[in-house]
Amino acid sequence: MSHTSYTLLTRDQIAERAAQDIPDGAYVNLGIGLPTKIAQYLSNDKDVFLHSENGLLAFGPSPAKGEEDAELINAGKEYVTMLDGGSYFHHGDSFAMMRGGHIDICVLGAFQVAANGDLANWSTGAEDAIPAVGGAMDLAVGAKKVFVMTNHITKTGDPKIVSELTYPVTGKNCVDRIYTDLCVIDVTDKGLLVTEMVDDMSFLDLQALTGAMLIDATQ
């Protein structure tokens, strides 16, 4: 599928947009990959407590070059900094926070998101795929809200937002909002509400790239 008629958001722009929706005082888990970029874009005016499943709470953005601490990494093995009052603890305690409903928002990547909010993000089901669910299942059902950050389509042009999942399920009816390189979508009882699109894209073009029916809520 051609991208000549519209401009894709960069990975950093998706992260910056998602960061705007994280409220002051929230406890937030950032999934491996694209979601970890959110840490770089959180406003200094907000107190946001970032949680990592390997046992960190209240960590900050990446350290300056040369100031990395091998003891301070997130779940994606990326170097982070600790904010005042931050702490680190046992992996089991971290999962207890996730399973116990103590995380306000988790932000995850996705292979597919279904129209009803089902999420697939740990395996494509391919025979040579290496399963790596990590804490995604615990977060999908334990967090109060689930945000997804992903490209709108795959490298081969297949839609990632679909009517029903065809990949192994991570969580059922768990996704609340989707941020892609083309739009922002709220998953609601009424359906998939498109609340924002890139400036030079029409709703019909967006629908053509999506494997599920959308509702235009931008007007």
Protein backbone atom coordinates (compact mmCIF):
# COMPACT_ATOMS: atom_id res chain seq x y z
CA MET A 1 0.00 0.00 0.00
CA SER A 2 1.30 3.45 -0.88
CA HIS A 3 2.06 6.12 1.68
CA THR A 4 2.49 8.86 -0.93
CA SER A 5 -0.74 10.71 -0.10
CA TYR A 6 -0.22 11.19 3.62
CA THR A 7 2.52 11.66 6.20
CA LEU A 8 3.22 8.97 8.79
CA LEU A 9 4.03 9.99 12.34
CA THR A 10 7.48 8.96 13.51
CA ARG A 11 7.95 6.63 16.47
CA ASP A 12 8.93 9.62 18.61
CA GLN A 13 5.84 11.56 17.54
CA ILE A 14 3.61 8.63 18.51
CA ALA A 15 5.31 8.47 21.91
CA GLU A 16 5.01 12.21 22.42
CA ARG A 17 1.30 12.10 21.58
CA ALA A 18 0.64 9.21 23.96
CA ALA A 19 2.55 10.95 26.74
CA GLN A 20 0.08 13.86 26.57
CA ASP A 21 -2.74 11.57 27.76
CA ILE A 22 -0.99 10.33 30.89
CA PRO A 23 -2.43 12.28 33.84
CA ASP A 24 -0.67 13.76 36.83
CA GLY A 25 -0.20 11.25 39.64
CA ALA A 26 -0.59 8.15 37.46
CA TYR A 27 1.26 4.89 38.01
CA VAL A 28 2.23 3.75 34.52
CA ASN A 29 3.93 0.67 33.09
CA LEU A 30 5.72 1.12 29.76
CA GLY A 31 6.00 -2.04 27.67
CA ILE A 32 9.10 -3.16 25.81
CA GLY A 33 9.84 -1.40 22.53
CA LEU A 34 8.05 1.70 21.31
CA PRO A 35 6.20 2.44 24.61
CA THR A 36 9.49 2.98 26.48
CA LYS A 37 9.98 6.16 24.43
CA ILE A 38 7.18 7.79 26.43
CA ALA A 39 9.61 8.32 29.31
CA GLN A 40 11.41 10.93 27.20
CA TYR A 41 8.25 13.01 26.64
CA LEU A 42 6.52 13.23 30.00
CA SER A 43 5.93 16.82 31.10
CA ASN A 44 7.96 18.11 34.03
CA ASP A 45 4.71 19.63 35.29
CA LYS A 46 3.34 16.15 36.02
CA ASP A 47 4.28 13.66 38.72
CA VAL A 48 4.09 10.34 36.85
CA PHE A 49 5.36 7.17 38.52
CA LEU A 50 6.80 4.87 35.88
CA HIS A 51 6.79 1.17 36.73
CA SER A 52 8.88 -1.54 35.11
CA GLU A 53 8.05 -5.23 35.49
CA ASN A 54 11.65 -6.12 36.35
CA GLY A 55 11.24 -4.16 39.59
CA LEU A 56 11.50 -0.37 39.28
CA LEU A 57 9.15 2.39 40.36
CA ALA A 58 9.50 6.11 39.66
CA PHE A 59 12.22 5.90 37.05
CA GLY A 60 12.99 8.64 34.58
CA PRO A 61 14.33 9.12 31.05
CA SER A 62 17.51 7.69 29.60
CA PRO A 63 20.76 8.87 31.20
CA ALA A 64 23.27 11.09 29.45
CA LYS A 65 25.97 9.24 27.53
CA GLY A 66 28.65 8.05 29.92
CA GLU A 67 26.35 8.20 32.96
CA GLU A 68 24.70 4.81 32.48
CA ASP A 69 24.28 2.61 35.56
CA ALA A 70 24.23 -1.13 34.80
CA GLU A 71 21.96 -1.66 37.82
CA LEU A 72 19.26 0.62 36.40
CA ILE A 73 17.57 -0.86 33.34
CA ASN A 74 13.94 -1.22 32.28
CA ALA A 75 12.23 -4.40 31.10
CA GLY A 76 13.67 -3.85 27.62
CA LYS A 77 17.24 -3.79 29.02
CA GLU A 78 17.52 -0.07 28.27
CA TYR A 79 19.34 2.25 30.67
CA VAL A 80 17.11 4.53 32.75
CA THR A 81 17.52 7.06 35.55
CA MET A 82 15.81 7.09 38.94
CA LEU A 83 13.79 10.07 40.17
CA ASP A 84 13.81 11.31 43.75
CA GLY A 85 11.93 8.79 45.88
CA GLY A 86 12.24 6.04 43.26
CA SER A 87 12.80 2.45 44.32
CA TYR A 88 13.69 -0.99 43.04
CA PHE A 89 12.47 -4.31 44.38
CA HIS A 90 11.95 -8.01 43.74
CA HIS A 91 10.49 -9.20 40.45
CA GLY A 92 7.70 -11.01 42.35
CA ASP A 93 6.66 -7.81 44.14
CA SER A 94 6.55 -6.04 40.80
CA PHE A 95 4.18 -8.63 39.36
CA ALA A 96 2.03 -8.39 42.50
CA MET A 97 1.59 -4.69 41.74
CA MET A 98 0.51 -5.53 38.20
CA ARG A 99 -1.83 -8.38 39.09
CA GLY A 100 -3.26 -6.55 42.07
CA GLY A 101 -4.70 -3.66 40.07
CA HIS A 102 -2.21 -1.07 41.31
CA ILE A 103 -1.13 0.16 37.84
CA ASP A 104 -3.31 2.96 36.44
CA ILE A 105 -2.16 2.68 32.81
CA CYS A 106 -0.01 0.24 30.91
CA VAL A 107 1.21 1.06 27.42
CA LEU A 108 1.92 -1.94 25.20
CA GLY A 109 2.93 -2.68 21.64
CA ALA A 110 0.76 -4.89 19.43
CA PHE A 111 0.75 -7.31 16.53
CA GLN A 112 -3.05 -6.97 16.33
CA VAL A 113 -5.90 -5.22 18.13
CA ALA A 114 -9.46 -6.42 17.54
CA ALA A 115 -12.52 -4.20 17.29
CA ASN A 116 -13.70 -5.32 20.74
CA GLY A 117 -10.36 -4.50 22.39
CA ASP A 118 -8.78 -7.97 22.27
CA LEU A 119 -4.98 -7.74 22.14
CA ALA A 120 -2.33 -9.93 20.49
CA ASN A 121 1.21 -8.78 21.19
CA TRP A 122 3.39 -11.73 22.16
CA SER A 123 3.45 -14.10 19.17
CA THR A 124 2.41 -14.21 15.53
CA GLY A 125 1.87 -17.95 15.83
CA ALA A 126 4.55 -18.63 13.22
CA GLU A 127 6.44 -21.89 13.71
CA ASP A 128 9.79 -20.12 13.94
CA ALA A 129 8.51 -17.33 16.21
CA ILE A 130 10.07 -17.11 19.66
CA PRO A 131 7.26 -16.69 22.23
CA ALA A 132 8.01 -13.82 24.59
CA VAL A 133 4.90 -12.89 26.52
CA GLY A 134 6.81 -11.48 29.50
CA GLY A 135 4.39 -9.59 31.73
CA ALA A 136 2.04 -8.55 28.95
CA MET A 137 -0.80 -10.87 30.01
CA ASP A 138 -0.57 -9.71 33.63
CA LEU A 139 -0.59 -6.06 32.56
CA ALA A 140 -3.41 -6.50 30.05
CA VAL A 141 -5.78 -7.78 32.72
CA GLY A 142 -4.32 -6.05 35.78
CA ALA A 143 -3.92 -2.43 34.68
CA LYS A 144 -6.90 -0.10 35.04
CA LYS A 145 -6.41 1.17 31.46
CA VAL A 146 -4.49 -0.29 28.51
CA PHE A 147 -3.06 1.93 25.79
CA VAL A 148 -1.52 0.44 22.64
CA MET A 149 1.16 2.04 20.46
CA THR A 150 1.78 0.52 17.04
CA ASN A 151 2.16 1.14 13.33
CA HIS A 152 -1.24 1.13 11.64
CA ILE A 153 -0.22 -1.55 9.12
CA THR A 154 2.57 -4.12 8.88
CA LYS A 155 5.59 -3.81 6.61
CA THR A 156 3.73 -5.96 4.08
CA GLY A 157 0.63 -3.75 4.20
CA ASP A 158 -1.61 -5.92 6.38
CA PRO A 159 -3.85 -4.11 8.88
CA LYS A 160 -2.98 -4.39 12.56
CA ILE A 161 -6.45 -3.25 13.66
CA VAL A 162 -8.78 -6.09 12.74
CA SER A 163 -12.32 -7.36 13.28
CA GLU A 164 -11.07 -10.47 15.11
CA LEU A 165 -7.61 -11.61 16.15
CA THR A 166 -5.82 -14.22 14.08
CA TYR A 167 -2.74 -14.27 16.32
CA PRO A 168 -2.50 -15.83 19.83
CA VAL A 169 -4.40 -13.75 22.38
CA THR A 170 -2.67 -11.72 25.08
CA GLY A 171 -5.84 -10.34 26.70
CA LYS A 172 -9.57 -10.17 26.01
CA ASN A 173 -11.49 -6.88 25.82
CA CYS A 174 -8.60 -5.06 27.46
CA VAL A 175 -7.51 -2.23 25.13
CA ASP A 176 -8.91 1.25 25.81
CA ARG A 177 -7.00 3.41 23.32
CA ILE A 178 -4.80 2.88 20.26
CA TYR A 179 -2.07 5.25 19.05
CA THR A 180 -0.79 4.57 15.54
CA ASP A 181 1.36 6.41 13.04
CA LEU A 182 -1.87 7.62 11.39
CA CYS A 183 -4.43 8.22 14.13
CA VAL A 184 -5.75 7.88 17.67
CA ILE A 185 -8.63 5.45 18.26
CA ASP A 186 -10.76 4.92 21.35
CA VAL A 187 -12.14 1.40 21.84
CA THR A 188 -15.73 1.82 23.06
CA ASP A 189 -18.97 -0.12 23.38
CA LYS A 190 -20.16 1.73 20.26
CA GLY A 191 -17.10 0.68 18.24
CA LEU A 192 -13.70 2.06 17.24
CA LEU A 193 -13.91 5.86 17.48
CA VAL A 194 -11.27 7.74 15.49
CA THR A 195 -10.60 10.91 17.49
CA GLU A 196 -7.53 12.17 15.59
CA MET A 197 -5.91 11.62 12.20
CA VAL A 198 -2.77 12.95 10.55
CA ASP A 199 -3.56 16.24 8.82
CA ASP A 200 -3.31 15.12 5.21
CA MET A 201 -5.36 11.93 5.49
CA SER A 202 -9.05 11.37 4.85
CA PHE A 203 -11.25 9.09 6.91
CA LEU A 204 -11.94 6.94 3.85
CA ASP A 205 -8.20 6.44 3.33
CA LEU A 206 -7.81 5.44 6.98
CA GLN A 207 -10.71 3.01 6.75
CA ALA A 208 -9.13 1.40 3.68
CA LEU A 209 -6.02 0.62 5.75
CA THR A 210 -8.00 -0.86 8.64
CA GLY A 211 -9.35 -4.38 9.01
CA ALA A 212 -12.32 -3.35 11.17
CA MET A 213 -15.08 -0.77 10.85
CA LEU A 214 -14.21 2.68 12.18
CA ILE A 215 -16.39 5.56 13.37
CA ASP A 216 -15.29 9.10 12.50
CA ALA A 217 -15.37 11.14 15.70
CA THR A 218 -13.08 13.89 14.43
CA GLN A 219 -15.86 16.21 13.28
